[in-house]
Amino acid sequence: MIDVFPELCTDRLRLRQFEDFDLENVYKGLSNPDVIKYYGVHYQSIQETQEQLKWFKTIQIEHTGIWWAICNKQNGDFMGAVGFK
């Protein structure tokens, strides 16, 4: 069975699958003390942050969770993330 990632859209937002080019934005969030204060995961480098992108893919493949990259629908700017585990 081929899984199709469910992309979600509103008038302003596009929720899409994480891609390798999101690495820097994920690092910016998961290395920021204000963002990680209650999150429980943080990274010291871009290289370490690759583990987070691998985790997003793994939980999707295993059907144990799903995470979306939240982007501005008009210009594609990365705004954050949301998901379930």
N, C-alpha and C. Protein backbone atom coordinates (compact mmCIF):
# COMPACT_ATOMS: atom_id res chain seq x y z
N MET A 1 0.83 -1.18 0.00
CA MET A 1 0.00 0.00 0.00
C MET A 1 0.88 1.24 0.00
N ILE A 2 0.58 2.19 -0.86
CA ILE A 2 1.33 3.44 -0.92
C ILE A 2 0.59 4.47 -0.08
N ASP A 3 1.30 5.04 0.87
CA ASP A 3 0.72 6.08 1.71
C ASP A 3 0.89 7.42 1.03
N VAL A 4 -0.16 8.19 1.03
CA VAL A 4 -0.11 9.55 0.51
C VAL A 4 -0.19 10.48 1.71
N PHE A 5 0.80 11.36 1.83
CA PHE A 5 0.81 12.28 2.96
C PHE A 5 -0.35 13.25 2.82
N PRO A 6 -1.16 13.40 3.86
CA PRO A 6 -2.33 14.28 3.79
C PRO A 6 -1.93 15.75 3.94
N GLU A 7 -1.97 16.48 2.85
CA GLU A 7 -1.68 17.91 2.91
C GLU A 7 -2.99 18.63 3.24
N LEU A 8 -2.89 19.59 4.14
CA LEU A 8 -4.06 20.34 4.58
C LEU A 8 -3.87 21.81 4.23
N CYS A 9 -4.94 22.47 3.81
CA CYS A 9 -4.86 23.89 3.46
C CYS A 9 -6.04 24.66 4.03
N THR A 10 -5.75 25.88 4.40
CA THR A 10 -6.79 26.84 4.77
C THR A 10 -6.60 28.03 3.84
N ASP A 11 -7.34 29.09 4.07
CA ASP A 11 -7.16 30.29 3.26
C ASP A 11 -5.75 30.85 3.39
N ARG A 12 -5.15 30.71 4.58
CA ARG A 12 -3.84 31.32 4.84
C ARG A 12 -2.70 30.32 4.96
N LEU A 13 -2.99 29.08 5.33
CA LEU A 13 -1.94 28.13 5.67
C LEU A 13 -1.93 26.89 4.79
N ARG A 14 -0.75 26.34 4.65
CA ARG A 14 -0.57 25.04 4.00
C ARG A 14 0.20 24.16 4.98
N LEU A 15 -0.38 23.03 5.33
CA LEU A 15 0.30 22.05 6.19
C LEU A 15 0.75 20.92 5.28
N ARG A 16 2.07 20.72 5.24
CA ARG A 16 2.65 19.78 4.30
C ARG A 16 3.66 18.89 5.00
N GLN A 17 4.11 17.90 4.29
CA GLN A 17 5.11 16.97 4.79
C GLN A 17 6.45 17.70 4.95
N PHE A 18 7.19 17.33 5.99
CA PHE A 18 8.53 17.88 6.16
C PHE A 18 9.44 17.36 5.06
N GLU A 19 10.32 18.25 4.59
CA GLU A 19 11.30 17.91 3.56
C GLU A 19 12.70 18.22 4.09
N ASP A 20 13.71 17.71 3.42
CA ASP A 20 15.09 17.94 3.86
C ASP A 20 15.43 19.42 3.93
N PHE A 21 14.85 20.23 3.04
CA PHE A 21 15.15 21.67 3.05
C PHE A 21 14.57 22.40 4.26
N ASP A 22 13.77 21.72 5.08
CA ASP A 22 13.23 22.30 6.31
C ASP A 22 14.20 22.22 7.48
N LEU A 23 15.31 21.55 7.29
CA LEU A 23 16.25 21.28 8.38
C LEU A 23 16.63 22.53 9.16
N GLU A 24 17.01 23.59 8.48
CA GLU A 24 17.45 24.80 9.18
C GLU A 24 16.32 25.41 10.00
N ASN A 25 15.12 25.42 9.47
CA ASN A 25 13.99 25.97 10.23
C ASN A 25 13.65 25.12 11.45
N VAL A 26 13.73 23.81 11.32
CA VAL A 26 13.49 22.93 12.47
C VAL A 26 14.56 23.18 13.53
N TYR A 27 15.80 23.32 13.09
CA TYR A 27 16.88 23.62 14.04
C TYR A 27 16.63 24.95 14.76
N LYS A 28 16.24 25.97 14.02
CA LYS A 28 15.97 27.28 14.65
C LYS A 28 14.93 27.15 15.76
N GLY A 29 13.92 26.35 15.52
CA GLY A 29 12.89 26.16 16.54
C GLY A 29 13.36 25.31 17.70
N LEU A 30 14.00 24.18 17.38
CA LEU A 30 14.36 23.22 18.44
C LEU A 30 15.70 23.51 19.09
N SER A 31 16.25 24.68 18.83
CA SER A 31 17.42 25.15 19.57
C SER A 31 17.10 26.45 20.31
N ASN A 32 15.87 26.92 20.17
CA ASN A 32 15.43 28.17 20.79
C ASN A 32 14.85 27.86 22.18
N PRO A 33 15.44 28.44 23.24
CA PRO A 33 14.97 28.15 24.60
C PRO A 33 13.49 28.44 24.83
N ASP A 34 12.96 29.48 24.19
CA ASP A 34 11.54 29.79 24.36
C ASP A 34 10.63 28.74 23.71
N VAL A 35 11.09 28.17 22.62
CA VAL A 35 10.30 27.16 21.91
C VAL A 35 10.35 25.82 22.65
N ILE A 36 11.52 25.44 23.12
CA ILE A 36 11.71 24.10 23.70
C ILE A 36 11.39 24.02 25.19
N LYS A 37 11.03 25.14 25.77
CA LYS A 37 10.78 25.20 27.21
C LYS A 37 9.88 24.06 27.70
N TYR A 38 8.84 23.75 26.96
CA TYR A 38 7.90 22.71 27.37
C TYR A 38 7.87 21.53 26.40
N TYR A 39 8.74 21.53 25.43
CA TYR A 39 8.68 20.52 24.36
C TYR A 39 9.41 19.24 24.71
N GLY A 40 10.54 19.33 25.39
CA GLY A 40 11.26 18.13 25.80
C GLY A 40 12.29 17.62 24.82
N VAL A 41 12.43 18.25 23.68
CA VAL A 41 13.43 17.88 22.68
C VAL A 41 14.17 19.15 22.30
N HIS A 42 15.50 19.04 22.23
CA HIS A 42 16.27 20.19 21.76
C HIS A 42 17.54 19.68 21.09
N TYR A 43 18.10 20.51 20.24
CA TYR A 43 19.29 20.13 19.48
C TYR A 43 20.33 21.24 19.56
N GLN A 44 21.60 20.80 19.57
CA GLN A 44 22.73 21.72 19.68
C GLN A 44 23.30 22.09 18.32
N SER A 45 22.94 21.34 17.27
CA SER A 45 23.52 21.61 15.95
C SER A 45 22.54 21.19 14.86
N ILE A 46 22.81 21.68 13.67
CA ILE A 46 22.01 21.29 12.50
C ILE A 46 22.14 19.79 12.28
N GLN A 47 23.35 19.26 12.45
CA GLN A 47 23.57 17.82 12.23
C GLN A 47 22.70 16.99 13.18
N GLU A 48 22.63 17.38 14.44
CA GLU A 48 21.79 16.66 15.41
C GLU A 48 20.32 16.75 15.01
N THR A 49 19.92 17.87 14.44
CA THR A 49 18.52 18.10 14.08
C THR A 49 18.05 17.17 12.98
N GLN A 50 18.97 16.60 12.22
CA GLN A 50 18.59 15.63 11.20
C GLN A 50 17.84 14.45 11.82
N GLU A 51 18.14 14.15 13.08
CA GLU A 51 17.42 13.08 13.78
C GLU A 51 15.92 13.38 13.87
N GLN A 52 15.57 14.65 14.03
CA GLN A 52 14.16 15.03 14.12
C GLN A 52 13.46 14.76 12.79
N LEU A 53 14.09 15.13 11.68
CA LEU A 53 13.48 14.87 10.38
C LEU A 53 13.34 13.38 10.13
N LYS A 54 14.32 12.59 10.57
CA LYS A 54 14.22 11.13 10.45
C LYS A 54 13.05 10.61 11.28
N TRP A 55 12.88 11.17 12.47
CA TRP A 55 11.78 10.76 13.35
C TRP A 55 10.43 11.06 12.70
N PHE A 56 10.28 12.25 12.08
CA PHE A 56 9.04 12.58 11.39
C PHE A 56 8.70 11.50 10.36
N LYS A 57 9.70 11.07 9.59
CA LYS A 57 9.49 10.06 8.56
C LYS A 57 9.18 8.69 9.18
N THR A 58 9.89 8.35 10.24
CA THR A 58 9.71 7.04 10.88
C THR A 58 8.31 6.87 11.44
N ILE A 59 7.83 7.86 12.16
CA ILE A 59 6.50 7.70 12.76
C ILE A 59 5.41 7.65 11.69
N GLN A 60 5.64 8.31 10.58
CA GLN A 60 4.67 8.23 9.49
C GLN A 60 4.67 6.82 8.89
N ILE A 61 5.86 6.29 8.61
CA ILE A 61 5.99 4.95 8.03
C ILE A 61 5.40 3.89 8.96
N GLU A 62 5.65 4.05 10.26
CA GLU A 62 5.17 3.08 11.24
C GLU A 62 3.71 3.29 11.62
N HIS A 63 3.10 4.35 11.11
CA HIS A 63 1.70 4.69 11.43
C HIS A 63 1.50 4.92 12.92
N THR A 64 2.50 5.54 13.56
CA THR A 64 2.40 5.84 14.99
C THR A 64 2.25 7.33 15.26
N GLY A 65 2.27 8.13 14.22
CA GLY A 65 2.12 9.57 14.37
C GLY A 65 2.28 10.28 13.04
N ILE A 66 2.07 11.58 13.08
CA ILE A 66 2.23 12.39 11.88
C ILE A 66 2.50 13.83 12.28
N TRP A 67 3.41 14.48 11.57
CA TRP A 67 3.74 15.88 11.80
C TRP A 67 3.74 16.63 10.49
N TRP A 68 3.21 17.85 10.54
CA TRP A 68 3.16 18.72 9.37
C TRP A 68 4.05 19.94 9.57
N ALA A 69 4.64 20.41 8.49
CA ALA A 69 5.29 21.71 8.45
C ALA A 69 4.19 22.72 8.15
N ILE A 70 4.09 23.76 8.95
CA ILE A 70 3.09 24.80 8.74
C ILE A 70 3.74 25.92 7.93
N CYS A 71 3.14 26.25 6.80
CA CYS A 71 3.72 27.26 5.92
C CYS A 71 2.67 28.28 5.52
N ASN A 72 3.14 29.48 5.23
CA ASN A 72 2.30 30.52 4.69
C ASN A 72 1.88 30.08 3.29
N LYS A 73 0.59 29.99 3.03
CA LYS A 73 0.11 29.48 1.75
C LYS A 73 0.50 30.39 0.59
N GLN A 74 0.57 31.68 0.85
CA GLN A 74 0.84 32.63 -0.23
C GLN A 74 2.30 32.63 -0.67
N ASN A 75 3.24 32.62 0.30
CA ASN A 75 4.66 32.75 -0.08
C ASN A 75 5.50 31.53 0.31
N GLY A 76 4.91 30.54 0.97
CA GLY A 76 5.63 29.32 1.32
C GLY A 76 6.52 29.41 2.53
N ASP A 77 6.57 30.56 3.21
CA ASP A 77 7.43 30.72 4.39
C ASP A 77 7.05 29.72 5.48
N PHE A 78 8.08 29.11 6.07
CA PHE A 78 7.91 28.17 7.17
C PHE A 78 7.47 28.94 8.41
N MET A 79 6.45 28.43 9.10
CA MET A 79 5.92 29.13 10.27
C MET A 79 5.98 28.27 11.54
N GLY A 80 6.10 26.96 11.39
CA GLY A 80 6.12 26.12 12.57
C GLY A 80 5.76 24.69 12.23
N ALA A 81 5.32 23.96 13.24
CA ALA A 81 5.00 22.55 13.08
C ALA A 81 3.85 22.16 14.00
N VAL A 82 3.16 21.12 13.59
CA VAL A 82 2.07 20.58 14.40
C VAL A 82 1.97 19.10 14.09
N GLY A 83 1.59 18.32 15.10
CA GLY A 83 1.48 16.90 14.82
C GLY A 83 0.91 16.12 15.97
N PHE A 84 0.85 14.81 15.76
CA PHE A 84 0.35 13.86 16.74
C PHE A 84 1.32 12.70 16.86
N LYS A 85 1.46 12.18 18.05
CA LYS A 85 2.27 10.98 18.29
C LYS A 85 1.44 10.07 19.15
